[in-house]
Protein backbone atom coordinates (compact mmCIF):
# COMPACT_ATOMS: atom_id res chain seq x y z
CA UNK A 1 -25.78 14.58 -27.77
CA UNK A 2 -22.79 12.57 -26.51
CA UNK A 3 -21.42 11.96 -23.06
CA UNK A 4 -18.69 9.82 -21.54
CA UNK A 5 -19.67 6.97 -19.24
CA UNK A 6 -17.63 6.44 -16.09
CA UNK A 7 -16.28 2.92 -15.61
CA UNK A 8 -18.17 2.54 -12.34
CA UNK A 9 -21.45 3.40 -14.11
CA UNK A 10 -20.97 1.04 -17.05
CA UNK A 11 -23.17 -1.75 -15.69
CA UNK A 12 -25.93 0.75 -14.82
CA UNK A 13 -25.92 2.22 -18.33
CA UNK A 14 -26.01 -1.22 -20.00
CA UNK A 15 -28.88 -2.38 -17.84
CA UNK A 16 -30.86 0.75 -18.62
CA UNK A 17 -30.28 0.21 -22.32
CA UNK A 18 -32.06 -3.10 -21.92
CA UNK A 19 -29.00 -5.20 -22.79
CA UNK A 20 -29.53 -8.95 -22.42
CA UNK A 21 -28.27 -9.78 -18.90
CA UNK A 22 -25.72 -12.49 -19.82
CA UNK A 23 -24.30 -10.10 -22.40
CA UNK A 24 -23.73 -7.42 -19.76
CA UNK A 25 -21.12 -9.58 -18.01
CA UNK A 26 -19.35 -10.29 -21.30
CA UNK A 27 -19.27 -6.63 -22.34
CA UNK A 28 -18.08 -5.39 -18.95
CA UNK A 29 -14.87 -7.31 -19.57
CA UNK A 30 -14.36 -5.35 -22.79
CA UNK A 31 -15.00 -1.95 -21.30
CA UNK A 32 -11.67 -1.17 -19.68
CA UNK A 33 -8.09 -1.38 -20.88
CA UNK A 34 -5.84 -2.44 -17.99
CA UNK A 35 -2.08 -2.35 -18.65
CA UNK A 36 -0.24 -5.33 -17.12
CA UNK A 37 3.53 -5.42 -16.71
CA UNK A 38 5.31 -8.77 -16.93
CA UNK A 39 8.86 -8.90 -15.55
CA UNK A 40 11.86 -10.98 -16.60
CA UNK A 41 10.15 -12.62 -19.59
CA UNK A 42 12.33 -14.79 -21.82
CA UNK A 43 12.78 -12.87 -25.06
CA UNK A 44 11.28 -15.51 -27.38
CA UNK A 45 8.21 -15.62 -25.12
CA UNK A 46 7.96 -11.82 -25.28
CA UNK A 47 7.81 -11.93 -29.07
CA UNK A 48 5.16 -14.68 -28.98
CA UNK A 49 3.06 -12.71 -26.49
CA UNK A 50 3.35 -9.59 -28.65
CA UNK A 51 1.93 -11.46 -31.67
CA UNK A 52 -0.83 -13.14 -29.67
CA UNK A 53 -1.93 -9.86 -28.11
CA UNK A 54 -2.11 -8.22 -31.54
CA UNK A 55 -4.09 -11.18 -32.86
CA UNK A 56 -6.53 -10.86 -29.94
CA UNK A 57 -7.07 -7.16 -30.64
CA UNK A 58 -4.84 -5.75 -27.92
CA UNK A 59 -1.18 -4.81 -27.96
CA UNK A 60 2.08 -5.39 -26.14
CA UNK A 61 4.88 -2.87 -25.60
CA UNK A 62 8.33 -4.47 -25.82
CA UNK A 63 11.84 -2.97 -25.77
CA UNK A 64 13.80 -2.73 -29.01
CA UNK A 65 16.10 -5.54 -27.89
CA UNK A 66 13.24 -8.05 -27.93
CA UNK A 67 12.79 -8.40 -31.70
CA UNK A 68 16.44 -9.35 -32.25
CA UNK A 69 16.65 -11.47 -29.06
CA UNK A 70 19.75 -9.45 -28.19
CA UNK A 71 19.15 -10.06 -24.47
CA UNK A 72 17.87 -13.21 -22.75
CA UNK A 73 15.08 -11.56 -20.73
CA UNK A 74 12.97 -8.40 -21.04
CA UNK A 75 10.11 -6.67 -19.24
CA UNK A 76 6.97 -6.17 -21.32
CA UNK A 77 3.74 -4.20 -20.97
CA UNK A 78 0.46 -5.79 -22.02
CA UNK A 79 -2.28 -3.43 -23.22
CA UNK A 80 -5.64 -5.12 -23.19
CA UNK A 81 -8.96 -5.78 -21.51
CA UNK A 82 -10.35 -8.90 -19.83
CA UNK A 83 -11.40 -10.37 -23.17
CA UNK A 84 -7.92 -9.90 -24.64
CA UNK A 85 -6.27 -11.48 -21.60
CA UNK A 86 -8.60 -14.47 -21.58
CA UNK A 87 -7.83 -15.06 -25.26
CA UNK A 88 -4.10 -14.71 -24.56
CA UNK A 89 -4.35 -17.14 -21.65
CA UNK A 90 -6.07 -19.75 -23.83
CA UNK A 91 -3.33 -19.47 -26.45
CA UNK A 92 -0.44 -19.56 -23.98
CA UNK A 93 -1.76 -22.70 -22.32
CA UNK A 94 -0.87 -24.53 -25.54
CA UNK A 95 2.79 -23.45 -25.29
CA UNK A 96 4.85 -25.32 -22.63
CA UNK A 97 8.17 -23.66 -23.47
CA UNK A 98 10.26 -20.45 -22.97
CA UNK A 99 8.99 -20.14 -19.39
CA UNK A 100 5.44 -19.50 -20.61
CA UNK A 101 3.78 -21.83 -18.03
CA UNK A 102 4.80 -19.46 -15.21
CA UNK A 103 3.20 -16.57 -17.11
CA UNK A 104 0.05 -18.67 -17.48
CA UNK A 105 -0.04 -19.09 -13.70
CA UNK A 106 0.26 -15.34 -13.18
CA UNK A 107 -2.47 -14.56 -15.71
CA UNK A 108 -4.82 -17.13 -14.22
CA UNK A 109 -4.37 -15.61 -10.77
CA UNK A 110 -5.01 -12.14 -12.16
CA UNK A 111 -8.16 -13.17 -14.03
CA UNK A 112 -9.63 -15.10 -11.09
CA UNK A 113 -8.74 -13.06 -7.99
CA UNK A 114 -9.64 -14.49 -4.60
CA UNK A 115 -11.27 -12.33 -1.91
CA UNK A 116 -8.74 -10.79 0.48
CA UNK A 117 -9.07 -11.03 4.23
CA UNK A 118 -6.91 -11.13 7.35
CA UNK A 119 -7.29 -13.82 10.00
CA UNK A 120 -6.23 -12.84 13.50
CA UNK A 121 -4.62 -15.27 15.91
CA UNK A 122 -7.88 -15.62 17.86
CA UNK A 123 -9.75 -16.63 14.71
CA UNK A 124 -11.51 -13.34 14.05
CA UNK A 125 -11.45 -12.22 10.42
CA UNK A 126 -10.97 -8.74 9.02
CA UNK A 127 -12.80 -8.43 5.72
CA UNK A 128 -12.24 -5.71 3.16
CA UNK A 129 -15.60 -5.35 1.45
CA UNK A 130 -15.07 -1.73 2.47
CA UNK A 131 -11.70 -0.08 2.97
CA UNK A 132 -10.85 -0.33 6.66
CA UNK A 133 -9.24 2.41 8.76
CA UNK A 134 -6.33 1.97 11.16
CA UNK A 135 -6.03 4.69 13.79
CA UNK A 136 -2.57 5.82 14.91
CA UNK A 137 -1.86 5.81 18.66
CA UNK A 138 1.64 7.15 19.34
CA UNK A 139 2.78 6.61 22.93
CA UNK A 140 5.89 8.64 22.13
CA UNK A 141 6.98 12.18 23.05
CA UNK A 142 8.57 12.97 19.68
CA UNK A 143 6.33 11.80 16.82
CA UNK A 144 6.53 14.14 13.81
CA UNK A 145 2.89 15.23 14.27
CA UNK A 146 2.42 16.76 17.71
CA UNK A 147 -1.32 16.13 17.57
CA UNK A 148 -0.71 12.40 17.70
CA UNK A 149 1.49 12.33 20.80
CA UNK A 150 -0.15 10.80 23.84
CA UNK A 151 1.07 11.02 27.43
CA UNK A 152 -0.57 9.09 30.23
CA UNK A 153 -2.97 6.16 30.09
CA UNK A 154 -6.08 8.32 30.42
CA UNK A 155 -5.13 10.12 27.21
CA UNK A 156 -4.42 6.83 25.44
CA UNK A 157 -7.77 5.33 26.43
CA UNK A 158 -9.66 8.49 25.53
CA UNK A 159 -8.08 8.63 22.06
CA UNK A 160 -8.70 4.92 21.54
CA UNK A 161 -12.36 5.33 22.46
CA UNK A 162 -12.75 8.27 20.10
CA UNK A 163 -11.13 6.40 17.23
CA UNK A 164 -13.24 3.30 17.75
CA UNK A 165 -16.40 5.41 17.97
CA UNK A 166 -15.40 7.22 14.79
CA UNK A 167 -15.08 3.95 12.89
CA UNK A 168 -11.52 2.67 13.27
CA UNK A 169 -11.26 -1.08 12.70
CA UNK A 170 -7.66 -1.34 13.96
CA UNK A 171 -5.66 0.65 16.53
CA UNK A 172 -1.92 0.83 15.77
CA UNK A 173 0.21 1.40 18.90
CA UNK A 174 3.75 2.66 18.41
CA UNK A 175 6.39 3.31 21.04
CA UNK A 176 9.22 4.64 18.85
CA UNK A 177 9.23 7.51 16.39
CA UNK A 178 10.66 6.29 13.09
CA UNK A 179 10.51 9.62 11.27
CA UNK A 180 13.48 10.39 8.98
CA UNK A 181 16.62 11.19 10.97
CA UNK A 182 15.32 9.84 14.28
CA UNK A 183 17.37 7.72 16.67
CA UNK A 184 16.03 4.40 17.98
CA UNK A 185 14.93 4.03 21.56
CA UNK A 186 16.06 1.11 23.68
CA UNK A 187 13.95 -2.03 23.73
CA UNK A 188 13.32 -1.44 27.44
CA UNK A 189 11.94 2.04 26.75
CA UNK A 190 9.76 0.85 23.88
CA UNK A 191 8.48 -2.00 26.02
CA UNK A 192 7.62 0.37 28.88
CA UNK A 193 5.63 2.58 26.51
CA UNK A 194 3.81 -0.05 24.48
CA UNK A 195 2.85 -2.91 26.79
CA UNK A 196 0.81 -0.90 29.35
CA UNK A 197 -1.10 0.73 26.48
CA UNK A 198 -1.87 -2.63 24.88
CA UNK A 199 -3.08 -4.09 28.16
CA UNK A 200 -5.19 -1.06 29.09
CA UNK A 201 -6.89 -0.82 25.68
CA UNK A 202 -7.61 -4.55 25.53
CA UNK A 203 -9.07 -4.48 29.03
CA UNK A 204 -11.40 -1.56 28.32
CA UNK A 205 -12.16 -2.46 24.69
CA UNK A 206 -11.84 -6.26 24.47
CA UNK A 207 -13.18 -6.42 20.91
CA UNK A 208 -10.69 -3.85 19.60
CA UNK A 209 -8.14 -5.07 17.05
CA UNK A 210 -4.70 -3.91 18.20
CA UNK A 211 -1.66 -3.64 15.95
CA UNK A 212 1.83 -3.43 17.46
CA UNK A 213 4.10 -1.05 15.54
CA UNK A 214 7.51 -2.61 16.20
CA UNK A 215 10.40 -4.29 14.40
CA UNK A 216 11.58 -6.12 17.55
CA UNK A 217 10.51 -9.77 17.66
CA UNK A 218 10.63 -10.22 21.43
CA UNK A 219 8.49 -7.15 22.04
CA UNK A 220 6.06 -8.21 19.33
CA UNK A 221 5.65 -11.62 20.95
CA UNK A 222 5.08 -10.17 24.41
CA UNK A 223 2.65 -7.55 23.13
CA UNK A 224 0.65 -10.28 21.41
CA UNK A 225 0.53 -12.21 24.67
CA UNK A 226 -0.77 -9.08 26.43
CA UNK A 227 -3.66 -8.59 23.99
CA UNK A 228 -2.21 -7.47 20.67
CA UNK A 229 -3.64 -8.92 17.47
CA UNK A 230 -1.17 -8.13 14.67
CA UNK A 231 2.36 -6.86 14.03
CA UNK A 232 3.27 -3.78 12.01
CA UNK A 233 6.95 -4.20 11.10
CA UNK A 234 8.46 -1.24 9.23
CA UNK A 235 11.53 -3.34 8.45
CA UNK A 236 9.54 -6.17 6.81
CA UNK A 237 11.32 -8.68 9.11
CA UNK A 238 14.84 -7.53 8.17
CA UNK A 239 15.70 -5.82 11.47
CA UNK A 240 15.14 -8.93 13.61
CA UNK A 241 15.69 -12.38 12.13
CA UNK A 242 13.35 -13.91 14.72
CA UNK A 243 10.26 -12.06 13.47
CA UNK A 244 9.19 -14.79 10.99
CA UNK A 245 9.25 -17.28 13.89
CA UNK A 246 6.98 -14.99 15.93
CA UNK A 247 4.46 -14.91 13.08
CA UNK A 248 4.66 -18.68 12.68
CA UNK A 249 4.21 -19.56 16.37
CA UNK A 250 1.65 -16.90 17.37
CA UNK A 251 -0.45 -17.16 14.17
CA UNK A 252 -0.70 -13.36 14.22
CA UNK A 253 -0.76 -11.46 10.91
CA UNK A 254 2.04 -9.06 10.02
CA UNK A 255 2.27 -5.87 7.98
CA UNK A 256 5.42 -5.86 5.83
CA UNK A 257 6.61 -2.36 4.95
CA UNK A 258 9.28 -1.37 2.44
CA UNK A 259 12.27 0.56 3.75
CA UNK A 260 15.99 0.77 3.06
CA UNK A 261 18.48 1.47 5.81
CA UNK A 262 17.24 2.73 9.17
CA UNK A 263 15.43 5.89 10.19
CA UNK A 264 18.69 7.75 10.81
CA UNK A 265 20.04 7.30 7.27
CA UNK A 266 17.16 6.09 5.08
CA UNK A 267 16.70 9.41 3.28
CA UNK A 268 20.23 9.01 1.91
CA UNK A 269 19.12 5.77 0.24
CA UNK A 270 16.58 6.98 -2.31
CA UNK A 271 18.19 5.49 -5.42
CA UNK A 272 15.84 3.47 -7.63
CA UNK A 273 15.63 2.68 -11.32
CA UNK A 274 11.90 2.00 -11.03
CA UNK A 275 10.61 2.59 -7.51
CA UNK A 276 7.23 0.92 -8.07
CA UNK A 277 8.75 -2.23 -9.50
CA UNK A 278 11.51 -2.46 -6.91
CA UNK A 279 9.18 -1.92 -3.95
CA UNK A 280 6.74 -4.52 -5.29
CA UNK A 281 9.44 -7.12 -5.90
CA UNK A 282 10.94 -6.52 -2.45
CA UNK A 283 7.64 -6.94 -0.60
CA UNK A 284 6.70 -10.06 -2.54
CA UNK A 285 10.11 -11.54 -1.73
CA UNK A 286 9.57 -10.87 1.99
CA UNK A 287 6.09 -12.38 1.82
CA UNK A 288 7.63 -15.46 0.16
CA UNK A 289 9.74 -16.02 3.30
CA UNK A 290 6.52 -16.57 5.22
CA UNK A 291 5.00 -18.64 2.44
CA UNK A 292 7.94 -21.05 2.76
CA UNK A 293 6.89 -21.50 6.38
CA UNK A 294 3.38 -22.41 5.22
CA UNK A 295 2.04 -19.05 6.41
CA UNK A 296 -0.88 -18.08 4.18
CA UNK A 297 -1.94 -14.89 2.45
CA UNK A 298 -4.42 -14.23 5.26
CA UNK A 299 -1.48 -13.48 7.57
CA UNK A 300 0.31 -10.90 5.38
CA UNK A 301 -0.42 -7.24 4.59
CA UNK A 302 1.81 -5.14 2.31
CA UNK A 303 2.75 -1.47 2.84
CA UNK A 304 4.80 0.45 0.21
CA UNK A 305 6.44 2.57 2.91
CA UNK A 306 5.56 6.13 1.93
CA UNK A 307 8.24 8.47 3.30
CA UNK A 308 10.72 5.71 4.12
CA UNK A 309 13.83 5.89 1.90
CA UNK A 310 11.92 7.74 -0.82
CA UNK A 311 11.86 11.32 -2.04
CA UNK A 312 8.68 13.18 -2.94
CA UNK A 313 8.58 12.09 -6.56
CA UNK A 314 9.05 8.45 -5.56
CA UNK A 315 6.32 8.70 -2.92
CA UNK A 316 3.93 10.19 -5.47
CA UNK A 317 4.85 7.51 -7.98
CA UNK A 318 3.95 4.81 -5.44
CA UNK A 319 0.64 6.52 -4.69
CA UNK A 320 -0.06 6.81 -8.41
CA UNK A 321 0.77 3.14 -9.09
CA UNK A 322 -0.52 1.47 -5.93
CA UNK A 323 -2.28 -0.98 -8.27
CA UNK A 324 1.08 -2.74 -8.64
CA UNK A 325 0.58 -3.97 -5.08
CA UNK A 326 -3.21 -4.21 -4.88
CA UNK A 327 -3.30 -6.62 -7.84
CA UNK A 328 -1.19 -9.04 -5.76
CA UNK A 329 -2.97 -11.64 -3.59
CA UNK A 330 -2.33 -9.74 -0.34
CA UNK A 331 -4.23 -6.89 1.36
CA UNK A 332 -2.46 -3.53 0.99
CA UNK A 333 -2.11 -0.76 3.57
CA UNK A 334 -1.60 2.88 2.57
CA UNK A 335 0.11 4.85 5.35
CA UNK A 336 0.75 8.44 4.28
CA UNK A 337 -1.15 10.39 6.93
CA UNK A 338 0.17 13.95 7.30
CA UNK A 339 3.61 12.90 6.03
CA UNK A 340 6.27 15.22 4.65
CA UNK A 341 5.43 14.66 0.99
CA UNK A 342 1.90 15.95 1.62
CA UNK A 343 3.37 19.08 3.19
CA UNK A 344 5.82 19.58 0.34
CA UNK A 345 3.25 19.13 -2.44
CA UNK A 346 0.85 21.57 -0.79
CA UNK A 347 3.58 23.90 0.41
CA UNK A 348 3.32 27.60 -0.09
CA UNK A 349 5.94 29.19 -2.36
CA UNK A 350 6.76 32.74 -1.46
CA UNK A 351 8.63 33.19 -4.73
CA UNK A 352 6.02 31.52 -6.95
CA UNK A 353 5.08 34.69 -8.84
CA UNK A 354 8.60 35.44 -10.01
CA UNK A 355 9.47 31.79 -10.61
CA UNK A 356 12.44 31.82 -8.27
CA UNK A 357 11.79 28.38 -6.84
CA UNK A 358 8.62 26.66 -6.95
CA UNK A 359 7.63 24.88 -10.11
CA UNK A 360 8.50 21.53 -8.55
CA UNK A 361 7.67 21.27 -4.88
CA UNK A 362 8.97 17.72 -4.72
CA UNK A 363 12.38 18.52 -6.18
CA UNK A 364 15.28 18.12 -3.72
CA UNK A 365 16.62 21.49 -4.91
CA UNK A 366 13.44 23.12 -3.61
CA UNK A 367 13.87 21.42 -0.28
CA UNK A 368 17.43 22.69 0.00
CA UNK A 369 16.27 26.22 -0.80
CA UNK A 370 13.60 25.93 1.86
CA UNK A 371 16.27 25.28 4.47
CA UNK A 372 17.99 28.45 3.37
CA UNK A 373 14.78 30.46 3.60
CA UNK A 374 14.68 31.11 -0.14
CA UNK A 375 11.00 30.69 -0.83
CA UNK A 376 9.59 27.17 -0.57
CA UNK A 377 7.69 26.65 2.68
CA UNK A 378 6.26 23.18 3.28
CA UNK A 379 2.92 22.98 5.06
CA UNK A 380 3.40 21.84 8.68
CA UNK A 381 1.85 18.53 9.82
CA UNK A 382 -1.06 20.40 11.38
CA UNK A 383 -2.17 21.60 7.91
CA UNK A 384 -1.93 18.33 5.98
CA UNK A 385 -5.38 16.83 6.55
CA UNK A 386 -6.80 17.68 3.12
CA UNK A 387 -3.77 16.27 1.36
CA UNK A 388 -4.05 13.11 3.43
CA UNK A 389 -7.69 12.73 2.40
CA UNK A 390 -6.65 13.00 -1.25
CA UNK A 391 -4.18 10.14 -0.76
CA UNK A 392 -6.88 8.08 0.93
CA UNK A 393 -9.24 8.67 -2.00
CA UNK A 394 -6.55 7.56 -4.45
CA UNK A 395 -5.93 4.46 -2.34
CA UNK A 396 -9.64 3.58 -2.45
CA UNK A 397 -9.64 3.79 -6.24
CA UNK A 398 -6.47 1.70 -6.42
CA UNK A 399 -8.02 -1.11 -4.40
CA UNK A 400 -6.26 -0.70 -1.05
CA UNK A 401 -7.66 -2.70 1.86
CA UNK A 402 -6.65 -0.39 4.72
CA UNK A 403 -5.42 3.14 5.39
CA UNK A 404 -3.42 4.12 8.47
CA UNK A 405 -4.35 7.65 9.61
CA UNK A 406 -4.31 10.12 12.46
CA UNK A 407 -7.78 11.51 11.69
CA UNK A 408 -10.18 8.58 11.78
CA UNK A 409 -13.55 10.31 11.48
CA UNK A 410 -12.61 12.40 8.45
CA UNK A 411 -11.07 9.46 6.61
CA UNK A 412 -13.94 7.09 7.41
CA UNK A 413 -16.45 9.61 6.12
CA UNK A 414 -14.47 10.19 2.93
CA UNK A 415 -14.15 6.44 2.28
CA UNK A 416 -17.82 5.65 2.90
CA UNK A 417 -18.98 8.53 0.70
CA UNK A 418 -16.61 7.59 -2.10
CA UNK A 419 -17.65 3.95 -1.89
CA UNK A 420 -21.32 4.96 -2.04
CA UNK A 421 -20.66 6.96 -5.22
CA UNK A 422 -18.83 4.06 -6.81
CA UNK A 423 -21.35 1.36 -5.87
CA UNK A 424 -24.68 3.11 -6.50
């Protein structure tokens, strides 16, 4: 008899074999190959790392231009486990040349990760021992999902109470729809929608953690003064140059999301060579702006921006490779609830049996045919709950810290059940 052991069950199986306890910790580090990508490595260093990884028992994928040093820098892919990387780190520490010391710093951070948490301006701390859920409160008349639109303060307070009861840790209040193709509202209109909701929720639920979904610095500052606790900026501080100053002076944490362009034109800006790498580099660069102001990791959360300046394939690629962000020293938010890509992937294809359209629901050609009524029918937002739950499950496995969703109870239950399975 033979059976495969799941990575999450590896410790359990070793302990039940009667393995000597100190040996369990050593062997756990050998039990999983984790590919690591290093960017912009000097070519001589890439060749050295290749040889050291092979000597340690792992491997290193390098481009053909590396062996001849035909280019000054290359990206490389390490293929190893914790034991291989610790051996590599020991060797590289003896080599103070070719930019290797900076690689040593990165490897040391990876091998000794610090716990992630978010410190609010009032001193409270959000911890991520379990994945936390952010509930979406849209005080807008035109959000893409009609079920999330709230009109009147009674409706806002009722939804907030339901979400908190269902297990939401954070409530995210937005006063402008930023769906693809949408026009911005005036700052006065956004202010009139958001501030009363913030004040009312904080008054009724003083312990609630409130996130302000805005890219306007002045509104963010005022909302924080009225009871808000964090900022959710879809522009990652690029729309308003004063936003870093708001973070610095208020001590409030900020969510930095990746986007190109603005809502009106962002879906015409989906060109990437490697979407995962480019999104990761962009968000780390924006976080570095705050680091230069001595703003710590406990004030920054990263969001890959699903549905913002990305097509379906790019969105799926970011979901598939969320580890590129979660391995960084910042908490990561996954926000894909009921979004278009979920509807496209799960969409019905009237012409599926004769192959007229539908072998690639994420292909732009399919989307164009859908507009012409030629077969591909995306699922509407009202039918995207199950797909959203699948994205949440993937985010849990990838190490996300938070998920932003419309359906709090369903997502909380999925997360807690999945975590129970993984931790038993």
